[in-house]
């Protein structure tokens, strides 16, 4: 599908065959980014691993740092105990809520668990707790960043309107990122001060991502702040929404829940198929004219891969709108960017670098819910109709979310 928005040509990919052409065959031509005006307003497109061009030295440096210090098999294994600890804290919170006969806000609880996993990996501290309201401000800021980047903005289609900020997206982006950057600077300043007092600057009392970044000659503090922004935005709400949707679907399908206890992996794949965290992925940009299946994609066109539609394609899936994890049993289909009917994290050079961690965190949460279902009766505190899917913004839909979901856990 090709659409024209002002000066912007937009090509929308809705089949797995076309997705393969974009993400693999013509990946080198279509690996540019069409950055929204809100992202440009804070110069994030110049320093973010998600937005800068993969041919640049800066992109290669930031990607290397992320993979080496965060997403390598060794680092993922090193954080296993941390992930389990945070999941156990989530279980404890749900158990205590059960004893008080209080409903559990799964959206908030899963966000706090994910937030603390990420913050410990990055800073070696918890940023929030279940009894604290501090996470609400952090959550609101992250959601605000997503909304600002994904909302319709006339400046994306008519660049000369950028300075006017008619929809207020640039203002919102500046406000929300300003709050996050303030938190990041506090951690950077503290770590830098501690480092200056040590005889050997590289002998830190902790060994987290920020320590590793500060030990490098590059990047500078500005680069670090924007890299941390990427990690929190990409890692917290997207992971918690996957966990949240898995819970919602399992509770709505008790027979499937009983079967799922034997195999968690199909549950996660089915959840990501029906509810991908970034339904249209991040927008790609054609570096030159390119032909896909006989259709011309012009230079500078925005290319969106609609993984949400591909996951509900009746030509690919039987009963595509139904939650049926068993469809993945005995199949080697995976989310690692090789199977184009299931690419919630993208593919090619632009595949999400955090994929190894992104699939680990929801897996722990799903295991917890399945374990709880053996001990407690889990039921909705409100009717199932209140659980629904919506998209942040309308430009390219940053994430889909399960907005109203609370559980009563009955002993």
Protein backbone atom coordinates (compact mmCIF):
# COMPACT_ATOMS: atom_id res chain seq x y z
CA UNK A 1 0.00 0.00 0.00
CA UNK A 2 1.33 3.43 -0.96
CA UNK A 3 0.02 6.63 0.60
CA UNK A 4 0.92 10.29 0.17
CA UNK A 5 0.94 12.50 3.27
CA UNK A 6 1.86 16.02 2.23
CA UNK A 7 5.40 15.74 0.88
CA UNK A 8 5.93 12.32 2.44
CA UNK A 9 5.52 9.14 0.43
CA UNK A 10 4.64 6.23 2.71
CA UNK A 11 4.73 2.56 1.74
CA UNK A 12 3.05 0.12 4.12
CA UNK A 13 4.10 -3.54 4.06
CA UNK A 14 1.38 -5.98 5.12
CA UNK A 15 2.60 -9.41 3.99
CA UNK A 16 5.44 -11.63 5.17
CA UNK A 17 6.76 -11.96 1.59
CA UNK A 18 7.03 -8.19 1.21
CA UNK A 19 8.50 -7.93 4.71
CA UNK A 20 11.26 -10.31 3.63
CA UNK A 21 12.02 -8.01 0.68
CA UNK A 22 12.27 -4.98 2.98
CA UNK A 23 14.05 -6.55 5.94
CA UNK A 24 16.39 -8.87 4.07
CA UNK A 25 16.65 -8.55 0.28
CA UNK A 26 16.77 -4.73 0.20
CA UNK A 27 17.85 -4.19 3.80
CA UNK A 28 20.93 -2.17 2.74
CA UNK A 29 18.78 0.25 0.72
CA UNK A 30 15.96 0.49 3.26
CA UNK A 31 17.97 0.74 6.47
CA UNK A 32 17.75 4.52 6.77
CA UNK A 33 15.37 6.14 9.24
CA UNK A 34 12.58 8.64 8.74
CA UNK A 35 12.84 10.43 12.08
CA UNK A 36 9.75 12.27 13.39
CA UNK A 37 9.87 15.98 14.11
CA UNK A 38 9.52 15.33 17.85
CA UNK A 39 12.64 13.14 17.82
CA UNK A 40 14.55 15.77 15.84
CA UNK A 41 13.48 18.49 18.29
CA UNK A 42 15.83 17.09 20.97
CA UNK A 43 18.51 16.04 18.44
CA UNK A 44 17.92 12.42 19.40
CA UNK A 45 18.15 11.42 15.73
CA UNK A 46 21.84 12.44 15.76
CA UNK A 47 22.93 10.32 18.74
CA UNK A 48 20.43 7.48 19.13
CA UNK A 49 21.33 3.96 18.03
CA UNK A 50 17.68 3.57 17.01
CA UNK A 51 17.73 6.52 14.61
CA UNK A 52 21.22 7.25 13.26
CA UNK A 53 22.30 5.55 10.05
CA UNK A 54 23.95 2.11 10.41
CA UNK A 55 26.79 3.15 8.10
CA UNK A 56 28.03 5.75 10.60
CA UNK A 57 30.93 5.17 12.99
CA UNK A 58 28.80 6.44 15.89
CA UNK A 59 26.12 3.82 15.21
CA UNK A 60 28.71 1.05 15.12
CA UNK A 61 30.25 2.28 18.39
CA UNK A 62 26.94 2.54 20.25
CA UNK A 63 25.74 -0.79 18.91
CA UNK A 64 29.01 -2.45 19.92
CA UNK A 65 28.84 -0.99 23.44
CA UNK A 66 25.24 -2.15 23.84
CA UNK A 67 25.91 -5.67 22.63
CA UNK A 68 29.17 -6.06 24.55
CA UNK A 69 28.04 -4.70 27.91
CA UNK A 70 24.31 -5.52 27.87
CA UNK A 71 23.15 -8.11 25.37
CA UNK A 72 25.97 -10.61 24.94
CA UNK A 73 25.17 -14.20 26.06
CA UNK A 74 27.56 -13.75 28.97
CA UNK A 75 25.88 -10.55 30.18
CA UNK A 76 22.39 -12.00 29.76
CA UNK A 77 23.41 -15.02 31.84
CA UNK A 78 25.00 -12.74 34.45
CA UNK A 79 21.67 -10.96 35.01
CA UNK A 80 19.65 -14.16 35.39
CA UNK A 81 19.70 -14.03 39.20
CA UNK A 82 18.65 -10.37 39.10
CA UNK A 83 15.69 -11.13 36.84
CA UNK A 84 14.56 -13.98 39.08
CA UNK A 85 14.87 -11.77 42.17
CA UNK A 86 12.65 -9.08 40.65
CA UNK A 87 10.11 -11.68 39.56
CA UNK A 88 10.06 -13.07 43.10
CA UNK A 89 9.38 -9.55 44.38
CA UNK A 90 6.46 -9.35 41.96
CA UNK A 91 5.12 -12.68 43.28
CA UNK A 92 5.47 -11.42 46.86
CA UNK A 93 3.55 -8.25 46.00
CA UNK A 94 0.75 -10.25 44.36
CA UNK A 95 0.62 -12.61 47.34
CA UNK A 96 0.38 -9.71 49.79
CA UNK A 97 -2.35 -8.13 47.65
CA UNK A 98 -4.24 -11.42 47.79
CA UNK A 99 -4.11 -11.45 51.58
CA UNK A 100 -5.48 -7.90 51.64
CA UNK A 101 -8.12 -8.87 49.05
CA UNK A 102 -6.89 -6.07 46.81
CA UNK A 103 -6.95 -6.13 43.02
CA UNK A 104 -3.56 -6.07 41.31
CA UNK A 105 -3.05 -3.46 38.61
CA UNK A 106 -1.11 -5.69 36.23
CA UNK A 107 -0.04 -2.79 34.02
CA UNK A 108 1.63 -0.97 36.91
CA UNK A 109 2.99 -4.10 38.59
CA UNK A 110 4.59 -5.47 35.43
CA UNK A 111 6.01 -2.03 34.62
CA UNK A 112 7.63 -1.73 38.06
CA UNK A 113 9.15 -5.21 37.80
CA UNK A 114 10.54 -4.45 34.35
CA UNK A 115 11.68 -0.96 35.37
CA UNK A 116 13.67 -2.31 38.30
CA UNK A 117 15.28 -5.02 36.18
CA UNK A 118 16.42 -2.40 33.67
CA UNK A 119 17.53 0.11 36.32
CA UNK A 120 19.60 -2.53 38.13
CA UNK A 121 21.27 -3.60 34.90
CA UNK A 122 22.06 0.03 34.09
CA UNK A 123 22.63 1.59 37.54
CA UNK A 124 22.63 -1.24 40.14
CA UNK A 125 19.64 0.30 41.98
CA UNK A 126 15.86 0.01 42.12
CA UNK A 127 14.16 3.10 40.75
CA UNK A 128 10.75 2.22 42.16
CA UNK A 129 8.84 -0.03 44.54
CA UNK A 130 5.32 -1.44 44.58
CA UNK A 131 4.33 0.69 47.54
CA UNK A 132 5.69 3.89 46.01
CA UNK A 133 4.17 6.37 43.60
CA UNK A 134 7.58 7.35 42.20
CA UNK A 135 7.26 4.93 39.30
CA UNK A 136 4.16 6.76 38.06
CA UNK A 137 6.20 9.82 37.09
CA UNK A 138 8.83 7.71 35.36
CA UNK A 139 6.14 5.69 33.60
CA UNK A 140 4.29 8.81 32.51
CA UNK A 141 7.51 10.29 31.10
CA UNK A 142 8.28 7.15 29.09
CA UNK A 143 4.71 6.99 27.78
CA UNK A 144 4.95 10.69 26.96
CA UNK A 145 8.09 10.10 24.89
CA UNK A 146 6.33 7.33 22.97
CA UNK A 147 3.22 9.41 22.40
CA UNK A 148 5.21 12.44 21.24
CA UNK A 149 7.25 10.36 18.79
CA UNK A 150 4.27 8.43 17.46
CA UNK A 151 1.52 11.05 17.32
CA UNK A 152 0.43 12.62 14.02
CA UNK A 153 2.41 15.80 13.42
CA UNK A 154 1.95 18.04 10.41
CA UNK A 155 5.66 18.85 10.54
CA UNK A 156 6.40 15.24 9.54
CA UNK A 157 4.52 15.81 6.29
CA UNK A 158 5.25 19.53 5.79
CA UNK A 159 8.76 20.13 7.25
CA UNK A 160 8.50 23.92 7.01
CA UNK A 161 5.91 23.77 9.83
CA UNK A 162 8.41 22.24 12.27
CA UNK A 163 9.24 25.44 14.13
CA UNK A 164 5.54 26.13 14.82
CA UNK A 165 4.98 22.88 16.77
CA UNK A 166 1.27 23.00 15.98
CA UNK A 167 0.45 19.71 17.75
CA UNK A 168 2.75 20.41 20.70
CA UNK A 169 4.67 17.16 20.16
CA UNK A 170 8.08 18.83 20.34
CA UNK A 171 7.16 20.56 23.59
CA UNK A 172 5.90 17.29 25.05
CA UNK A 173 9.04 15.44 23.95
CA UNK A 174 11.30 18.11 25.45
CA UNK A 175 9.38 18.10 28.74
CA UNK A 176 9.31 14.30 29.14
CA UNK A 177 12.90 13.68 28.10
CA UNK A 178 14.03 16.57 30.29
CA UNK A 179 12.66 14.76 33.34
CA UNK A 180 14.35 11.51 32.32
CA UNK A 181 17.66 13.20 31.50
CA UNK A 182 17.62 14.84 34.95
CA UNK A 183 17.44 11.39 36.55
CA UNK A 184 20.18 10.06 34.29
CA UNK A 185 22.49 13.01 35.04
CA UNK A 186 22.10 12.33 38.74
CA UNK A 187 23.37 8.78 38.29
CA UNK A 188 26.15 9.89 35.94
CA UNK A 189 27.34 12.57 38.37
CA UNK A 190 27.28 10.14 41.30
CA UNK A 191 29.21 7.47 39.40
CA UNK A 192 31.71 10.04 38.11
CA UNK A 193 32.32 11.37 41.63
CA UNK A 194 32.83 7.85 42.99
CA UNK A 195 35.21 7.08 40.15
CA UNK A 196 37.32 10.18 40.86
CA UNK A 197 37.84 9.08 44.47
CA UNK A 198 39.14 5.63 43.59
CA UNK A 199 42.86 4.94 43.25
CA UNK A 200 42.13 2.75 40.27
CA UNK A 201 39.21 4.36 38.39
CA UNK A 202 38.26 1.05 36.77
CA UNK A 203 37.92 -0.79 40.09
CA UNK A 204 34.26 -0.05 40.74
CA UNK A 205 32.15 -1.37 43.63
CA UNK A 206 29.50 -2.24 41.05
CA UNK A 207 29.78 -3.48 37.52
CA UNK A 208 26.77 -2.17 35.65
CA UNK A 209 26.21 -0.67 32.22
CA UNK A 210 26.84 2.91 33.34
CA UNK A 211 30.15 1.90 34.95
CA UNK A 212 31.19 0.30 31.67
CA UNK A 213 30.22 3.38 29.65
CA UNK A 214 32.13 5.75 31.94
CA UNK A 215 35.22 3.56 31.63
CA UNK A 216 35.18 4.00 27.85
CA UNK A 217 36.99 6.88 26.13
CA UNK A 218 33.81 7.31 24.14
CA UNK A 219 30.92 8.14 24.31
CA UNK A 220 30.58 11.49 26.12
CA UNK A 221 27.92 12.27 28.72
CA UNK A 222 25.43 13.53 26.14
CA UNK A 223 25.75 10.28 24.19
CA UNK A 224 25.31 8.31 27.41
CA UNK A 225 22.12 10.18 28.33
CA UNK A 226 20.56 9.47 24.95
CA UNK A 227 21.69 5.84 25.02
CA UNK A 228 20.09 5.41 28.45
CA UNK A 229 16.93 6.98 27.05
CA UNK A 230 16.91 4.33 24.31
CA UNK A 231 17.36 1.55 26.85
CA UNK A 232 14.55 2.68 29.13
CA UNK A 233 12.05 3.54 26.40
CA UNK A 234 12.73 0.37 24.41
CA UNK A 235 13.13 -1.90 27.41
CA UNK A 236 10.49 -1.02 29.99
CA UNK A 237 7.04 -0.38 28.57
CA UNK A 238 7.46 -2.69 25.58
CA UNK A 239 8.51 -5.64 27.77
CA UNK A 240 5.84 -4.97 30.38
CA UNK A 241 3.13 -4.69 27.70
CA UNK A 242 4.14 -8.11 26.32
CA UNK A 243 3.88 -9.59 29.81
CA UNK A 244 0.58 -7.81 30.37
CA UNK A 245 -0.96 -9.11 27.16
CA UNK A 246 0.26 -12.64 27.85
CA UNK A 247 -1.50 -12.49 31.21
CA UNK A 248 -4.67 -11.10 29.67
CA UNK A 249 -4.84 -13.78 26.97
CA UNK A 250 -4.09 -16.63 29.38
CA UNK A 251 -6.74 -15.50 31.84
CA UNK A 252 -9.26 -15.21 29.03
CA UNK A 253 -8.37 -18.73 27.87
CA UNK A 254 -8.23 -21.00 30.95
CA UNK A 255 -7.89 -24.18 28.87
CA UNK A 256 -4.88 -22.68 27.11
CA UNK A 257 -3.47 -21.66 30.48
CA UNK A 258 -3.60 -25.25 31.68
CA UNK A 259 -1.78 -26.43 28.54
CA UNK A 260 0.74 -23.58 28.73
CA UNK A 261 2.21 -24.80 31.98
CA UNK A 262 4.06 -27.45 30.02
CA UNK A 263 5.44 -25.03 27.42
CA UNK A 264 5.93 -21.27 27.90
CA UNK A 265 7.69 -20.48 24.61
CA UNK A 266 4.59 -20.85 22.37
CA UNK A 267 2.67 -18.53 24.70
CA UNK A 268 5.25 -15.78 24.23
CA UNK A 269 5.38 -16.26 20.45
CA UNK A 270 1.60 -16.13 20.17
CA UNK A 271 1.47 -13.02 22.37
CA UNK A 272 4.08 -11.25 20.24
CA UNK A 273 2.28 -12.36 17.08
CA UNK A 274 -1.07 -10.90 18.16
CA UNK A 275 0.23 -7.96 20.21
CA UNK A 276 3.65 -6.82 18.90
CA UNK A 277 5.14 -4.09 21.12
CA UNK A 278 5.81 -1.86 18.08
CA UNK A 279 3.05 -2.69 15.58
CA UNK A 280 4.62 -0.90 12.59
CA UNK A 281 8.23 -1.21 13.74
CA UNK A 282 10.27 1.99 13.52
CA UNK A 283 9.96 3.73 10.13
CA UNK A 284 12.57 2.93 7.52
CA UNK A 285 13.68 5.26 4.74
CA UNK A 286 14.54 4.37 1.15
CA UNK A 287 18.06 5.57 0.35
CA UNK A 288 17.43 5.17 -3.41
CA UNK A 289 14.59 4.10 -5.68
CA UNK A 290 13.93 0.39 -5.20
CA UNK A 291 11.48 -2.02 -6.78
CA UNK A 292 9.54 -4.50 -4.63
CA UNK A 293 7.31 -7.02 -6.39
CA UNK A 294 7.05 -4.76 -9.42
CA UNK A 295 6.16 -1.65 -7.43
CA UNK A 296 8.48 1.34 -7.20
CA UNK A 297 9.42 2.58 -3.75
CA UNK A 298 10.79 6.08 -4.46
CA UNK A 299 13.89 7.53 -2.87
CA UNK A 300 13.24 9.10 0.56
CA UNK A 301 9.95 7.24 0.95
CA UNK A 302 8.97 6.14 4.43
CA UNK A 303 8.56 2.36 4.67
CA UNK A 304 6.47 0.86 7.47
CA UNK A 305 6.32 -2.89 8.12
CA UNK A 306 2.92 -3.68 9.64
CA UNK A 307 3.83 -6.66 11.81
CA UNK A 308 0.47 -6.33 13.58
CA UNK A 309 -1.35 -7.04 10.30
CA UNK A 310 1.08 -9.82 9.33
CA UNK A 311 0.41 -11.51 12.67
CA UNK A 312 -3.32 -11.55 11.84
CA UNK A 313 -3.03 -12.54 8.17
CA UNK A 314 -5.51 -15.39 7.43
CA UNK A 315 -3.26 -16.58 4.60
CA UNK A 316 -0.54 -17.28 7.17
CA UNK A 317 -2.47 -18.29 10.27
CA UNK A 318 -5.55 -20.40 10.91
CA UNK A 319 -7.98 -18.51 13.18
CA UNK A 320 -5.56 -15.55 13.26
CA UNK A 321 -7.55 -13.49 15.77
CA UNK A 322 -7.73 -16.34 18.29
CA UNK A 323 -5.13 -16.85 20.99
CA UNK A 324 -3.80 -20.31 20.09
CA UNK A 325 -0.20 -20.86 21.27
CA UNK A 326 -0.38 -24.48 20.14
CA UNK A 327 0.07 -23.27 16.56
CA UNK A 328 3.77 -22.88 17.39
CA UNK A 329 4.23 -26.33 18.93
CA UNK A 330 6.65 -28.41 16.90
CA UNK A 331 7.55 -25.46 14.68
CA UNK A 332 10.90 -23.70 14.49
CA UNK A 333 9.34 -20.28 13.79
CA UNK A 334 11.10 -17.75 16.01
CA UNK A 335 11.23 -14.01 16.73
CA UNK A 336 14.93 -13.60 15.95
CA UNK A 337 14.48 -11.94 12.56
CA UNK A 338 14.73 -14.99 10.28
CA UNK A 339 11.02 -15.81 10.02
CA UNK A 340 9.24 -12.88 8.39
CA UNK A 341 5.77 -13.91 9.49
CA UNK A 342 6.92 -13.18 13.06
CA UNK A 343 9.29 -10.21 13.37
CA UNK A 344 8.11 -8.16 16.38
CA UNK A 345 11.69 -6.96 16.95
CA UNK A 346 12.49 -6.25 13.30
CA UNK A 347 15.21 -7.89 11.22
CA UNK A 348 18.36 -7.12 9.29
CA UNK A 349 20.76 -4.40 10.39
CA UNK A 350 17.95 -2.60 12.18
CA UNK A 351 16.91 -5.56 14.34
CA UNK A 352 16.46 -4.57 17.98
CA UNK A 353 19.84 -5.00 19.72
CA UNK A 354 18.03 -5.73 22.99
CA UNK A 355 16.18 -8.75 21.61
CA UNK A 356 18.06 -11.29 23.80
CA UNK A 357 16.94 -9.49 26.97
CA UNK A 358 13.51 -8.53 25.62
CA UNK A 359 12.46 -12.18 25.30
CA UNK A 360 13.86 -13.15 28.70
CA UNK A 361 11.94 -10.71 30.90
CA UNK A 362 8.35 -11.56 29.82
CA UNK A 363 9.22 -15.27 29.96
CA UNK A 364 9.93 -14.97 33.69
CA UNK A 365 6.66 -13.13 34.26
CA UNK A 366 4.58 -15.66 32.35
CA UNK A 367 6.18 -18.45 34.37
CA UNK A 368 5.13 -16.62 37.54
CA UNK A 369 1.51 -16.29 36.46
CA UNK A 370 1.34 -19.96 35.51
CA UNK A 371 2.81 -20.85 38.88
CA UNK A 372 0.30 -18.62 40.67
CA UNK A 373 -2.58 -20.26 38.79
CA UNK A 374 -1.69 -23.51 40.60
CA UNK A 375 -1.94 -21.82 44.00
CA UNK A 376 -4.66 -19.22 43.56
CA UNK A 377 -7.80 -18.47 41.62
CA UNK A 378 -7.04 -15.57 39.28
CA UNK A 379 -10.03 -13.63 38.02
CA UNK A 380 -10.86 -10.26 36.57
CA UNK A 381 -11.76 -7.48 38.98
CA UNK A 382 -13.70 -5.96 36.07
CA UNK A 383 -15.45 -7.46 33.08
CA UNK A 384 -13.34 -8.79 30.24
CA UNK A 385 -14.80 -6.13 27.90
CA UNK A 386 -12.73 -3.52 29.73
CA UNK A 387 -9.54 -5.08 28.39
CA UNK A 388 -8.83 -3.59 25.03
CA UNK A 389 -6.07 -2.67 22.65
CA UNK A 390 -5.12 0.84 21.64
CA UNK A 391 -2.17 2.50 19.96
CA UNK A 392 -0.06 5.41 21.11
CA UNK A 393 -0.39 8.05 18.45
CA UNK A 394 -1.33 7.43 14.86
CA UNK A 395 1.79 8.16 12.82
CA UNK A 396 3.41 4.76 13.14
CA UNK A 397 1.98 3.44 16.41
CA UNK A 398 4.81 3.15 18.93
CA UNK A 399 3.19 0.42 20.99
CA UNK A 400 -0.11 -1.26 21.66
CA UNK A 401 -1.33 -1.53 25.20
CA UNK A 402 -3.79 -3.32 27.38
CA UNK A 403 -5.18 -0.30 29.20
CA UNK A 404 -7.62 -1.65 31.76
CA UNK A 405 -6.62 -4.83 33.52
CA UNK A 406 -6.84 -5.63 37.20
CA UNK A 407 -6.84 -9.05 38.83
CA UNK A 408 -8.22 -10.40 42.04
CA UNK A 409 -6.06 -13.20 43.43
CA UNK A 410 -8.22 -15.41 45.60
CA UNK A 411 -6.60 -17.90 47.98
